[in-house]
C-alpha atoms as a PDB file:
ATOM      1  CA  MET A   1      89.451 -85.596 -53.956  1.00  0.00           C
ATOM      2  CA  ASN A   2      89.804 -88.938 -52.197  1.00  0.00           C
ATOM      3  CA  ALA A   3      91.004 -87.121 -49.077  1.00  0.00           C
ATOM      4  CA  ASP A   4      87.882 -84.894 -49.095  1.00  0.00           C
ATOM      5  CA  LEU A   5      85.646 -87.940 -49.487  1.00  0.00           C
ATOM      6  CA  ALA A   6      87.420 -89.717 -46.640  1.00  0.00           C
ATOM      7  CA  SER A   7      87.001 -86.637 -44.438  1.00  0.00           C
ATOM      8  CA  LEU A   8      83.281 -86.453 -45.282  1.00  0.00           C
ATOM      9  CA  ASN A   9      82.805 -90.150 -44.471  1.00  0.00           C
ATOM     10  CA  ALA A  10      84.598 -89.672 -41.166  1.00  0.00           C
ATOM     11  CA  ARG A  11      82.263 -86.788 -40.208  1.00  0.00           C
ATOM     12  CA  ILE A  12      79.219 -88.885 -41.166  1.00  0.00           C
ATOM     13  CA  ASP A  13      80.489 -91.739 -39.012  1.00  0.00           C
ATOM     14  CA  ARG A  14      80.958 -89.399 -36.032  1.00  0.00           C
ATOM     15  CA  THR A  15      77.464 -87.973 -36.526  1.00  0.00           C
ATOM     16  CA  ASN A  16      75.955 -91.448 -36.675  1.00  0.00           C
ATOM     17  CA  GLU A  17      77.822 -92.415 -33.539  1.00  0.00           C
ATOM     18  CA  LEU A  18      76.439 -89.383 -31.686  1.00  0.00           C
ATOM     19  CA  LEU A  19      72.894 -90.170 -32.875  1.00  0.00           C
ATOM     20  CA  LEU A  20      73.223 -93.746 -31.661  1.00  0.00           C
ATOM     21  CA  ARG A  21      74.388 -92.518 -28.265  1.00  0.00           C
ATOM     22  CA  MET A  22      71.433 -90.124 -28.034  1.00  0.00           C
ATOM     23  CA  LEU A  23      68.972 -92.866 -28.982  1.00  0.00           C
ATOM     24  CA  ALA A  24      70.481 -95.158 -26.358  1.00  0.00           C
ATOM     25  CA  GLU A  25      70.052 -92.479 -23.686  1.00  0.00           C
ATOM     26  CA  VAL A  26      66.455 -91.816 -24.746  1.00  0.00           C
ATOM     27  CA  ALA A  27      65.729 -95.558 -24.604  1.00  0.00           C
ATOM     28  CA  LYS A  28      66.993 -95.662 -21.003  1.00  0.00           C
ATOM     29  CA  THR A  29      64.854 -92.678 -19.936  1.00  0.00           C
ATOM     30  CA  PRO A  30      61.459 -93.872 -18.581  1.00  0.00           C
ATOM     31  CA  SER A  31      58.279 -92.303 -19.859  1.00  0.00           C
ATOM     32  CA  THR A  32      56.484 -90.063 -17.395  1.00  0.00           C
ATOM     33  CA  HIS A  33      52.791 -89.298 -17.025  1.00  0.00           C
ATOM     34  CA  ALA A  34      50.729 -86.917 -14.914  1.00  0.00           C
ATOM     35  CA  ILE A  35      47.039 -86.796 -14.016  1.00  0.00           C
ATOM     36  CA  PHE A  36      45.150 -83.491 -14.267  1.00  0.00           C
ATOM     37  CA  VAL A  37      41.826 -83.334 -12.415  1.00  0.00           C
ATOM     38  CA  ASP A  38      39.309 -80.537 -12.927  1.00  0.00           C
ATOM     39  CA  ALA A  39      37.600 -80.858  -9.529  1.00  0.00           C
ATOM     40  CA  GLY A  40      34.629 -78.768 -10.639  1.00  0.00           C
ATOM     41  CA  TYR A  41      33.848 -81.279 -13.385  1.00  0.00           C
ATOM     42  CA  LEU A  42      34.566 -84.209 -11.071  1.00  0.00           C
ATOM     43  CA  TYR A  43      32.219 -83.089  -8.300  1.00  0.00           C
ATOM     44  CA  ALA A  44      29.420 -82.147 -10.684  1.00  0.00           C
ATOM     45  CA  ALA A  45      29.579 -85.249 -12.896  1.00  0.00           C
ATOM     46  CA  ALA A  46      30.309 -87.817 -10.172  1.00  0.00           C
ATOM     47  CA  GLY A  47      27.743 -86.246  -7.843  1.00  0.00           C
ATOM     48  CA  ARG A  48      25.039 -86.439 -10.491  1.00  0.00           C
ATOM     49  CA  LEU A  49      25.992 -89.972 -11.493  1.00  0.00           C
ATOM     50  CA  VAL A  50      26.048 -91.431  -7.965  1.00  0.00           C
ATOM     51  CA  THR A  51      23.661 -89.249  -5.927  1.00  0.00           C
ATOM     52  CA  GLY A  52      21.562 -87.485  -8.567  1.00  0.00           C
ATOM     53  CA  THR A  53      22.747 -83.974  -7.672  1.00  0.00           C
ATOM     54  CA  GLU A  54      25.632 -81.669  -8.568  1.00  0.00           C
ATOM     55  CA  ASP A  55      25.383 -79.766  -5.260  1.00  0.00           C
ATOM     56  CA  ARG A  56      28.614 -80.421  -3.337  1.00  0.00           C
ATOM     57  CA  ARG A  57      26.818 -79.768  -0.065  1.00  0.00           C
ATOM     58  CA  ALA A  58      24.592 -82.799  -0.619  1.00  0.00           C
ATOM     59  CA  PHE A  59      27.299 -85.479  -0.777  1.00  0.00           C
ATOM     60  CA  ASP A  60      30.744 -86.438   0.491  1.00  0.00           C
ATOM     61  CA  LEU A  61      33.701 -87.321  -1.727  1.00  0.00           C
ATOM     62  CA  ASP A  62      36.460 -89.620  -0.517  1.00  0.00           C
ATOM     63  CA  ALA A  63      39.112 -87.699  -2.435  1.00  0.00           C
ATOM     64  CA  GLU A  64      42.021 -89.710  -1.052  1.00  0.00           C
ATOM     65  CA  GLY A  65      40.485 -93.032  -2.088  1.00  0.00           C
ATOM     66  CA  LEU A  66      39.480 -91.715  -5.495  1.00  0.00           C
ATOM     67  CA  ILE A  67      42.937 -90.266  -6.191  1.00  0.00           C
ATOM     68  CA  GLU A  68      44.505 -93.612  -5.322  1.00  0.00           C
ATOM     69  CA  ALA A  69      42.070 -95.314  -7.718  1.00  0.00           C
ATOM     70  CA  LEU A  70      42.986 -92.879 -10.502  1.00  0.00           C
ATOM     71  CA  ILE A  71      46.695 -93.466  -9.891  1.00  0.00           C
ATOM     72  CA  ASP A  72      46.144 -97.242 -10.055  1.00  0.00           C
ATOM     73  CA  LYS A  73      44.179 -96.848 -13.283  1.00  0.00           C
ATOM     74  CA  ALA A  74      46.973 -94.757 -14.813  1.00  0.00           C
ATOM     75  CA  ARG A  75      49.539 -97.320 -13.705  1.00  0.00           C
ATOM     76  CA  THR A  76      47.623 -99.935 -15.690  1.00  0.00           C
ATOM     77  CA  ILE A  77      47.135 -97.774 -18.782  1.00  0.00           C
ATOM     78  CA  PHE A  78      50.681 -96.358 -18.853  1.00  0.00           C
ATOM     79  CA  ALA A  79      52.384 -99.611 -17.890  1.00  0.00           C
ATOM     80  CA  ASP A  80      55.931 -98.573 -18.852  1.00  0.00           C
ATOM     81  CA  SER A  81      55.673 -95.080 -17.387  1.00  0.00           C
ATOM     82  CA  ARG A  82      56.194 -93.502 -13.973  1.00  0.00           C
ATOM     83  CA  LEU A  83      53.857 -91.004 -12.297  1.00  0.00           C
ATOM     84  CA  LEU A  84      55.082 -87.427 -11.962  1.00  0.00           C
ATOM     85  CA  ARG A  85      52.169 -86.320  -9.769  1.00  0.00           C
ATOM     86  CA  VAL A  86      48.426 -85.659  -9.661  1.00  0.00           C
ATOM     87  CA  TYR A  87      47.355 -82.053 -10.256  1.00  0.00           C
ATOM     88  CA  TRP A  88      44.059 -81.168  -8.559  1.00  0.00           C
ATOM     89  CA  TYR A  89      42.402 -77.951  -9.805  1.00  0.00           C
ATOM     90  CA  ASP A  90      39.611 -76.365  -7.794  1.00  0.00           C
ATOM     91  CA  GLY A  91      38.156 -72.988  -6.888  1.00  0.00           C
ATOM     92  CA  ALA A  92      38.186 -71.218  -3.514  1.00  0.00           C
ATOM     93  CA  ARG A  93      37.218 -67.770  -2.346  1.00  0.00           C
ATOM     94  CA  ARG A  94      40.299 -65.543  -2.397  1.00  0.00           C
ATOM     95  CA  ARG A  95      42.221 -68.725  -3.257  1.00  0.00           C
ATOM     96  CA  ILE A  96      42.249 -69.725   0.429  1.00  0.00           C
ATOM     97  CA  HIS A  97      42.246 -73.502   0.880  1.00  0.00           C
ATOM     98  CA  THR A  98      39.170 -75.015   2.487  1.00  0.00           C
ATOM     99  CA  ALA A  99      39.755 -77.735   5.062  1.00  0.00           C
ATOM    100  CA  GLU A 100      38.961 -80.346   2.425  1.00  0.00           C
ATOM    101  CA  GLN A 101      41.342 -78.824  -0.112  1.00  0.00           C
ATOM    102  CA  GLN A 102      44.061 -78.632   2.518  1.00  0.00           C
ATOM    103  CA  SER A 103      43.681 -82.337   3.325  1.00  0.00           C
ATOM    104  CA  ILE A 104      43.944 -83.155  -0.391  1.00  0.00           C
ATOM    105  CA  ALA A 105      47.054 -80.990  -0.719  1.00  0.00           C
ATOM    106  CA  GLU A 106      48.702 -82.972   2.077  1.00  0.00           C
ATOM    107  CA  LEU A 107      48.391 -86.249   0.147  1.00  0.00           C
ATOM    108  CA  PRO A 108      51.615 -87.643  -1.370  1.00  0.00           C
ATOM    109  CA  ASP A 109      52.191 -86.956  -5.076  1.00  0.00           C
ATOM    110  CA  VAL A 110      49.299 -84.453  -5.200  1.00  0.00           C
ATOM    111  CA  LYS A 111      49.526 -80.761  -6.076  1.00  0.00           C
ATOM    112  CA  VAL A 112      46.449 -78.600  -5.421  1.00  0.00           C
ATOM    113  CA  ARG A 113      46.102 -75.553  -7.670  1.00  0.00           C
ATOM    114  CA  LEU A 114      43.369 -73.030  -6.858  1.00  0.00           C
ATOM    115  CA  GLY A 115      41.458 -70.649  -9.052  1.00  0.00           C
ATOM    116  CA  ASN A 116      38.972 -68.162  -7.672  1.00  0.00           C
ATOM    117  CA  LEU A 117      35.373 -68.799  -6.665  1.00  0.00           C
ATOM    118  CA  ASN A 118      32.921 -66.007  -7.404  1.00  0.00           C
ATOM    119  CA  ALA A 119      29.724 -65.063  -5.560  1.00  0.00           C
ATOM    120  CA  ASN A 120      27.778 -67.635  -7.607  1.00  0.00           C
ATOM    121  CA  ASN A 121      30.216 -70.426  -6.635  1.00  0.00           C
ATOM    122  CA  GLN A 122      31.584 -70.539 -10.189  1.00  0.00           C
ATOM    123  CA  GLN A 123      35.253 -71.356 -10.760  1.00  0.00           C
ATOM    124  CA  LYS A 124      37.369 -68.660 -12.402  1.00  0.00           C
ATOM    125  CA  GLY A 125      40.899 -69.122 -13.693  1.00  0.00           C
ATOM    126  CA  VAL A 126      41.044 -72.912 -13.374  1.00  0.00           C
ATOM    127  CA  ASP A 127      41.258 -73.565 -17.132  1.00  0.00           C
ATOM    128  CA  SER A 128      44.187 -71.180 -17.487  1.00  0.00           C
ATOM    129  CA  LEU A 129      46.015 -72.974 -14.642  1.00  0.00           C
ATOM    130  CA  ILE A 130      45.544 -76.307 -16.388  1.00  0.00           C
ATOM    131  CA  ARG A 131      46.809 -74.887 -19.677  1.00  0.00           C
ATOM    132  CA  SER A 132      49.852 -73.320 -18.008  1.00  0.00           C
ATOM    133  CA  ASP A 133      50.856 -76.556 -16.285  1.00  0.00           C
ATOM    134  CA  LEU A 134      50.182 -78.798 -19.274  1.00  0.00           C
ATOM    135  CA  GLU A 135      52.107 -76.555 -21.642  1.00  0.00           C
ATOM    136  CA  SER A 136      55.054 -76.071 -19.280  1.00  0.00           C
ATOM    137  CA  LEU A 137      55.438 -79.757 -18.444  1.00  0.00           C
ATOM    138  CA  ALA A 138      55.210 -80.750 -22.106  1.00  0.00           C
ATOM    139  CA  ARG A 139      57.665 -78.051 -23.222  1.00  0.00           C
ATOM    140  CA  TYR A 140      60.356 -79.192 -20.796  1.00  0.00           C
ATOM    141  CA  ARG A 141      59.714 -82.867 -21.552  1.00  0.00           C
ATOM    142  CA  ALA A 142      58.691 -83.497 -17.937  1.00  0.00           C
ATOM    143  CA  ILE A 143      55.812 -85.666 -19.162  1.00  0.00           C
ATOM    144  CA  SER A 144      55.165 -87.799 -22.221  1.00  0.00           C
ATOM    145  CA  ASP A 145      51.492 -88.495 -21.426  1.00  0.00           C
ATOM    146  CA  ALA A 146      48.797 -86.459 -19.693  1.00  0.00           C
ATOM    147  CA  ALA A 147      45.552 -87.944 -18.365  1.00  0.00           C
ATOM    148  CA  LEU A 148      43.017 -85.110 -18.219  1.00  0.00           C
ATOM    149  CA  LEU A 149      39.812 -85.586 -16.214  1.00  0.00           C
ATOM    150  CA  GLY A 150      37.574 -82.767 -17.384  1.00  0.00           C
ATOM    151  CA  GLY A 151      34.960 -81.766 -19.887  1.00  0.00           C
ATOM    152  CA  ASP A 152      35.044 -78.014 -20.536  1.00  0.00           C
ATOM    153  CA  GLU A 153      35.542 -76.778 -24.105  1.00  0.00           C
ATOM    154  CA  ASP A 154      37.930 -74.147 -22.734  1.00  0.00           C
ATOM    155  CA  LEU A 155      40.434 -76.957 -22.148  1.00  0.00           C
ATOM    156  CA  VAL A 156      40.934 -77.390 -25.899  1.00  0.00           C
ATOM    157  CA  SER A 157      43.699 -74.780 -25.941  1.00  0.00           C
ATOM    158  CA  ALA A 158      45.484 -76.611 -23.099  1.00  0.00           C
ATOM    159  CA  VAL A 159      45.365 -79.862 -25.069  1.00  0.00           C
ATOM    160  CA  GLU A 160      46.669 -78.186 -28.218  1.00  0.00           C
ATOM    161  CA  ALA A 161      49.491 -76.488 -26.314  1.00  0.00           C
ATOM    162  CA  ALA A 162      50.698 -79.776 -24.783  1.00  0.00           C
ATOM    163  CA  GLN A 163      50.417 -81.647 -28.069  1.00  0.00           C
ATOM    164  CA  GLY A 164      52.433 -78.920 -29.761  1.00  0.00           C
ATOM    165  CA  TYR A 165      55.404 -79.949 -27.634  1.00  0.00           C
ATOM    166  CA  GLY A 166      54.977 -83.646 -28.347  1.00  0.00           C
ATOM    167  CA  ALA A 167      52.981 -84.839 -25.329  1.00  0.00           C
ATOM    168  CA  ARG A 168      50.004 -87.139 -25.789  1.00  0.00           C
ATOM    169  CA  VAL A 169      46.803 -86.071 -24.020  1.00  0.00           C
ATOM    170  CA  HIS A 170      44.272 -88.687 -22.926  1.00  0.00           C
ATOM    171  CA  LEU A 171      40.816 -87.463 -21.936  1.00  0.00           C
ATOM    172  CA  TRP A 172      39.163 -89.195 -18.992  1.00  0.00           C
ATOM    173  CA  GLY A 173      35.462 -88.694 -18.427  1.00  0.00           C
ATOM    174  CA  ILE A 174      32.634 -89.657 -16.095  1.00  0.00           C
ATOM    175  CA  GLU A 175      29.595 -91.533 -17.318  1.00  0.00           C
ATOM    176  CA  ALA A 176      26.612 -89.224 -17.848  1.00  0.00           C
ATOM    177  CA  PRO A 177      23.132 -90.508 -16.924  1.00  0.00           C
ATOM    178  CA  GLU A 178      21.789 -88.668 -19.969  1.00  0.00           C
ATOM    179  CA  GLY A 179      23.614 -87.255 -22.988  1.00  0.00           C
ATOM    180  CA  ARG A 180      27.212 -86.067 -22.619  1.00  0.00           C
ATOM    181  CA  ASN A 181      29.066 -84.064 -20.005  1.00  0.00           C
ATOM    182  CA  GLN A 182      32.152 -83.343 -22.135  1.00  0.00           C
ATOM    183  CA  ALA A 183      32.363 -80.846 -24.997  1.00  0.00           C
ATOM    184  CA  ASP A 184      32.623 -82.284 -28.508  1.00  0.00           C
ATOM    185  CA  PRO A 185      35.575 -80.028 -29.533  1.00  0.00           C
ATOM    186  CA  LEU A 186      37.525 -81.392 -26.559  1.00  0.00           C
ATOM    187  CA  LEU A 187      36.733 -84.981 -27.547  1.00  0.00           C
ATOM    188  CA  TRP A 188      37.914 -84.264 -31.106  1.00  0.00           C
ATOM    189  CA  GLU A 189      41.317 -82.878 -30.054  1.00  0.00           C
ATOM    190  CA  VAL A 190      42.620 -85.468 -27.592  1.00  0.00           C
ATOM    191  CA  ASP A 191      44.709 -88.531 -28.458  1.00  0.00           C
ATOM    192  CA  SER A 192      42.434 -91.016 -26.676  1.00  0.00           C
ATOM    193  CA  GLN A 193      39.229 -91.102 -24.644  1.00  0.00           C
ATOM    194  CA  ARG A 194      38.151 -93.188 -21.674  1.00  0.00           C
ATOM    195  CA  THR A 195      34.963 -93.040 -19.573  1.00  0.00           C
ATOM    196  CA  PHE A 196      34.627 -94.310 -16.001  1.00  0.00           C
ATOM    197  CA  ASP A 197      31.248 -95.686 -14.967  1.00  0.00           C
ATOM    198  CA  LEU A 198      29.054 -95.754 -11.871  1.00  0.00           C
ATOM    199  CA  ASP A 199      30.812 -98.778 -10.373  1.00  0.00           C
ATOM    200  CA  PHE A 200      34.135 -96.938 -10.457  1.00  0.00           C
ATOM    201  CA  PHE A 201      32.868 -93.893  -8.527  1.00  0.00           C
ATOM    202  CA  LYS A 202      30.313 -95.488  -6.215  1.00  0.00           C
ATOM    203  CA  PRO A 203      32.806 -96.416  -3.467  1.00  0.00           C
ATOM    204  CA  TYR A 204      34.020 -92.802  -3.217  1.00  0.00           C
ATOM    205  CA  VAL A 205      30.807 -90.730  -3.376  1.00  0.00           C
ATOM    206  CA  SER A 206      28.070 -90.907  -0.723  1.00  0.00           C
ATOM    207  CA  ARG A 207      25.012 -88.783  -0.117  1.00  0.00           C
ATOM    208  CA  ARG A 208      24.923 -86.889   3.147  1.00  0.00           C
ATOM    209  CA  ALA A 209      22.128 -87.742   5.547  1.00  0.00           C
ATOM    210  CA  ALA A 210      19.483 -85.045   5.287  1.00  0.00           C
ATOM    211  CA  GLN A 211      18.527 -83.158   8.423  1.00  0.00           C
ATOM    212  CA  ALA A 212      14.773 -83.261   8.738  1.00  0.00           C
ATOM    213  CA  PHE A 213      13.323 -80.049  10.174  1.00  0.00           C
ATOM    214  CA  ASP A 214       9.799 -78.816   9.686  1.00  0.00           C
ATOM    215  CA  GLY A 215      10.712 -75.301  10.828  1.00  0.00           C
ATOM    216  CA  ALA A 216       7.683 -75.227  13.099  1.00  0.00           C
ATOM    217  CA  GLY A 217       9.610 -75.241  16.397  1.00  0.00           C
ATOM    218  CA  THR A 218      10.188 -72.253  18.612  1.00  0.00           C
ATOM    219  CA  ARG A 219      12.428 -69.710  16.951  1.00  0.00           C
ATOM    220  CA  PRO A 220      15.697 -69.478  18.907  1.00  0.00           C
ATOM    221  CA  ALA A 221      16.992 -66.139  20.123  1.00  0.00           C
ATOM    222  CA  ARG A 222      19.897 -64.555  18.302  1.00  0.00           C
ATOM    223  CA  GLU A 223      22.129 -64.893  21.380  1.00  0.00           C
ATOM    224  CA  ASP A 224      21.362 -68.608  21.584  1.00  0.00           C
ATOM    225  CA  VAL A 225      22.351 -69.041  17.933  1.00  0.00           C
ATOM    226  CA  ARG A 226      25.495 -66.968  18.493  1.00  0.00           C
ATOM    227  CA  PHE A 227      26.426 -69.229  21.418  1.00  0.00           C
ATOM    228  CA  VAL A 228      25.932 -72.339  19.268  1.00  0.00           C
ATOM    229  CA  GLY A 229      28.228 -70.772  16.656  1.00  0.00           C
ATOM    230  CA  ALA A 230      30.923 -70.346  19.313  1.00  0.00           C
ATOM    231  CA  GLN A 231      30.447 -73.960  20.459  1.00  0.00           C
ATOM    232  CA  ILE A 232      30.949 -75.252  16.932  1.00  0.00           C
ATOM    233  CA  ALA A 233      33.992 -73.000  16.489  1.00  0.00           C
ATOM    234  CA  ALA A 234      35.603 -74.510  19.589  1.00  0.00           C
ATOM    235  CA  LYS A 235      34.990 -77.996  18.218  1.00  0.00           C
ATOM    236  CA  TRP A 236      36.301 -76.968  14.774  1.00  0.00           C
ATOM    237  CA  LEU A 237      39.483 -75.511  16.253  1.00  0.00           C
ATOM    238  CA  ALA A 238      40.127 -78.559  18.429  1.00  0.00           C
ATOM    239  CA  ALA A 239      39.808 -80.834  15.397  1.00  0.00           C
ATOM    240  CA  ARG A 240      41.869 -78.782  12.927  1.00  0.00           C
ATOM    241  CA  GLY A 241      44.362 -76.849  14.997  1.00  0.00           C
ATOM    242  CA  ARG A 242      45.998 -73.432  14.911  1.00  0.00           C
ATOM    243  CA  ASP A 243      47.420 -73.745  11.397  1.00  0.00           C
ATOM    244  CA  ALA A 244      43.917 -74.140   9.977  1.00  0.00           C
ATOM    245  CA  LEU A 245      42.831 -71.113  12.000  1.00  0.00           C
ATOM    246  CA  LEU A 246      45.655 -68.986  10.562  1.00  0.00           C
ATOM    247  CA  GLU A 247      44.569 -69.945   7.052  1.00  0.00           C
ATOM    248  CA  LEU A 248      40.931 -69.119   7.783  1.00  0.00           C
ATOM    249  CA  LEU A 249      41.472 -65.701   9.409  1.00  0.00           C
ATOM    250  CA  PRO A 250      42.458 -63.720   6.263  1.00  0.00           C
ATOM    251  CA  GLY A 251      39.034 -64.491   4.782  1.00  0.00           C
ATOM    252  CA  HIS A 252      37.126 -62.772   7.626  1.00  0.00           C
ATOM    253  CA  PRO A 253      34.200 -62.069   7.609  1.00  0.00           C
ATOM    254  CA  TYR A 254      33.637 -64.695   4.906  1.00  0.00           C
ATOM    255  CA  LEU A 255      33.782 -68.447   5.456  1.00  0.00           C
ATOM    256  CA  PRO A 256      34.762 -70.954   2.770  1.00  0.00           C
ATOM    257  CA  GLY A 257      31.674 -72.592   1.308  1.00  0.00           C
ATOM    258  CA  SER A 258      32.345 -76.025   2.794  1.00  0.00           C
ATOM    259  CA  VAL A 259      33.002 -74.604   6.288  1.00  0.00           C
ATOM    260  CA  ASP A 260      29.893 -72.422   6.125  1.00  0.00           C
ATOM    261  CA  GLN A 261      27.725 -75.352   5.038  1.00  0.00           C
ATOM    262  CA  ASP A 262      29.100 -77.637   7.761  1.00  0.00           C
ATOM    263  CA  LEU A 263      28.487 -74.880  10.303  1.00  0.00           C
ATOM    264  CA  LEU A 264      24.867 -74.524   9.189  1.00  0.00           C
ATOM    265  CA  VAL A 265      24.127 -78.260   9.220  1.00  0.00           C
ATOM    266  CA  GLU A 266      25.678 -78.804  12.657  1.00  0.00           C
ATOM    267  CA  ALA A 267      23.924 -75.761  14.123  1.00  0.00           C
ATOM    268  CA  GLU A 268      20.542 -76.935  12.855  1.00  0.00           C
ATOM    269  CA  GLY A 269      21.168 -80.288  14.483  1.00  0.00           C
ATOM    270  CA  LEU A 270      21.988 -78.692  17.829  1.00  0.00           C
ATOM    271  CA  LEU A 271      19.132 -76.194  17.703  1.00  0.00           C
ATOM    272  CA  GLN A 272      16.626 -78.602  16.151  1.00  0.00           C
ATOM    273  CA  TYR A 273      15.470 -75.661  14.087  1.00  0.00           C
ATOM    274  CA  SER A 274      15.918 -74.852  10.400  1.00  0.00           C
ATOM    275  CA  LEU A 275      17.982 -71.763   9.690  1.00  0.00           C
ATOM    276  CA  ARG A 276      17.223 -71.855   5.959  1.00  0.00           C
ATOM    277  CA  GLY A 277      15.849 -68.489   4.917  1.00  0.00           C
ATOM    278  CA  GLN A 278      16.665 -67.021   8.357  1.00  0.00           C
ATOM    279  CA  ALA A 279      19.274 -64.475   7.282  1.00  0.00           C
ATOM    280  CA  ASP A 280      19.519 -62.733  10.676  1.00  0.00           C
ATOM    281  CA  LEU A 281      20.011 -65.991  12.563  1.00  0.00           C
ATOM    282  CA  ARG A 282      22.594 -67.229  10.088  1.00  0.00           C
ATOM    283  CA  ARG A 283      24.513 -63.958  10.563  1.00  0.00           C
ATOM    284  CA  ALA A 284      24.353 -64.480  14.335  1.00  0.00           C
ATOM    285  CA  LEU A 285      25.657 -68.031  13.853  1.00  0.00           C
ATOM    286  CA  ARG A 286      28.620 -66.854  11.792  1.00  0.00           C
ATOM    287  CA  ASP A 287      29.288 -63.996  14.228  1.00  0.00           C
ATOM    288  CA  GLY A 288      29.500 -66.450  17.122  1.00  0.00           C
ATOM    289  CA  PHE A 289      31.771 -68.741  15.115  1.00  0.00           C
ATOM    290  CA  TRP A 290      34.138 -65.908  14.168  1.00  0.00           C
ATOM    291  CA  GLU A 291      34.137 -64.292  17.633  1.00  0.00           C
ATOM    292  CA  HIS A 292      35.360 -67.482  19.266  1.00  0.00           C
ATOM    293  CA  LEU A 293      38.050 -68.103  16.651  1.00  0.00           C
ATOM    294  CA  ARG A 294      39.374 -64.559  16.683  1.00  0.00           C
ATOM    295  CA  ALA A 295      39.514 -64.602  20.477  1.00  0.00           C
ATOM    296  CA  GLN A 296      41.895 -67.547  20.256  1.00  0.00           C
ATOM    297  CA  TYR A 297      44.326 -65.773  17.888  1.00  0.00           C
END
């Protein structure tokens, strides 16, 4: 009987020793956090807060500066934790990076994940990407804390999935001029909430200078507009290079929204004529742009 008791005590001692070793290893392992940015929410909320509009075409976002500011903020909040990376979720037609998205993807410690963009410029599939990443990183203990910048109620399932594996999810939001821009069910589910105000975003969001056209000038010929499109294409290619061209070509005859808008604004400046509502001239502009680019391939 005494021998059995001694054997049991010995096994308990070995088990306790193993537990102590495990706890010591856990104590030496640094906590890790990641930042998840829903770019659709960011552009809409920050644009409205700083410039009064949600239209991306009306303002510029210094994404690099803002990402650095978010990383610095996380470093302060999660003082004893290291950054895994920043996940940047956005939409793009056929999931082809725009020039802006490509420049963001090239930043250190940033991973761009693209959902689709439909004909109404609405993001599709972004929420499921966020859920997949949050759940996977939490399951494999790659992160202990997740800072989520977003506001859609569809993100509730992503929060619940990550929390189910033991990660803490902290919701970051953008100050709303009126009311709220984050869903109540999302606010209820997260572990903490934090809102960034106008002063935080003001250095990184600026309204684009409006081109003033009265539309009363002489209507340019289609060939003139086509030639301007080719001119802008040559300038675009010189600035961005062949790699950007190879990424753009599979989308033919469609242009990413940001490229198309930049093309329109620059063409109106060169022509000194508004192409808004001029469907045939805008087609001629795009045709000239594409013809030059495809001739260089």
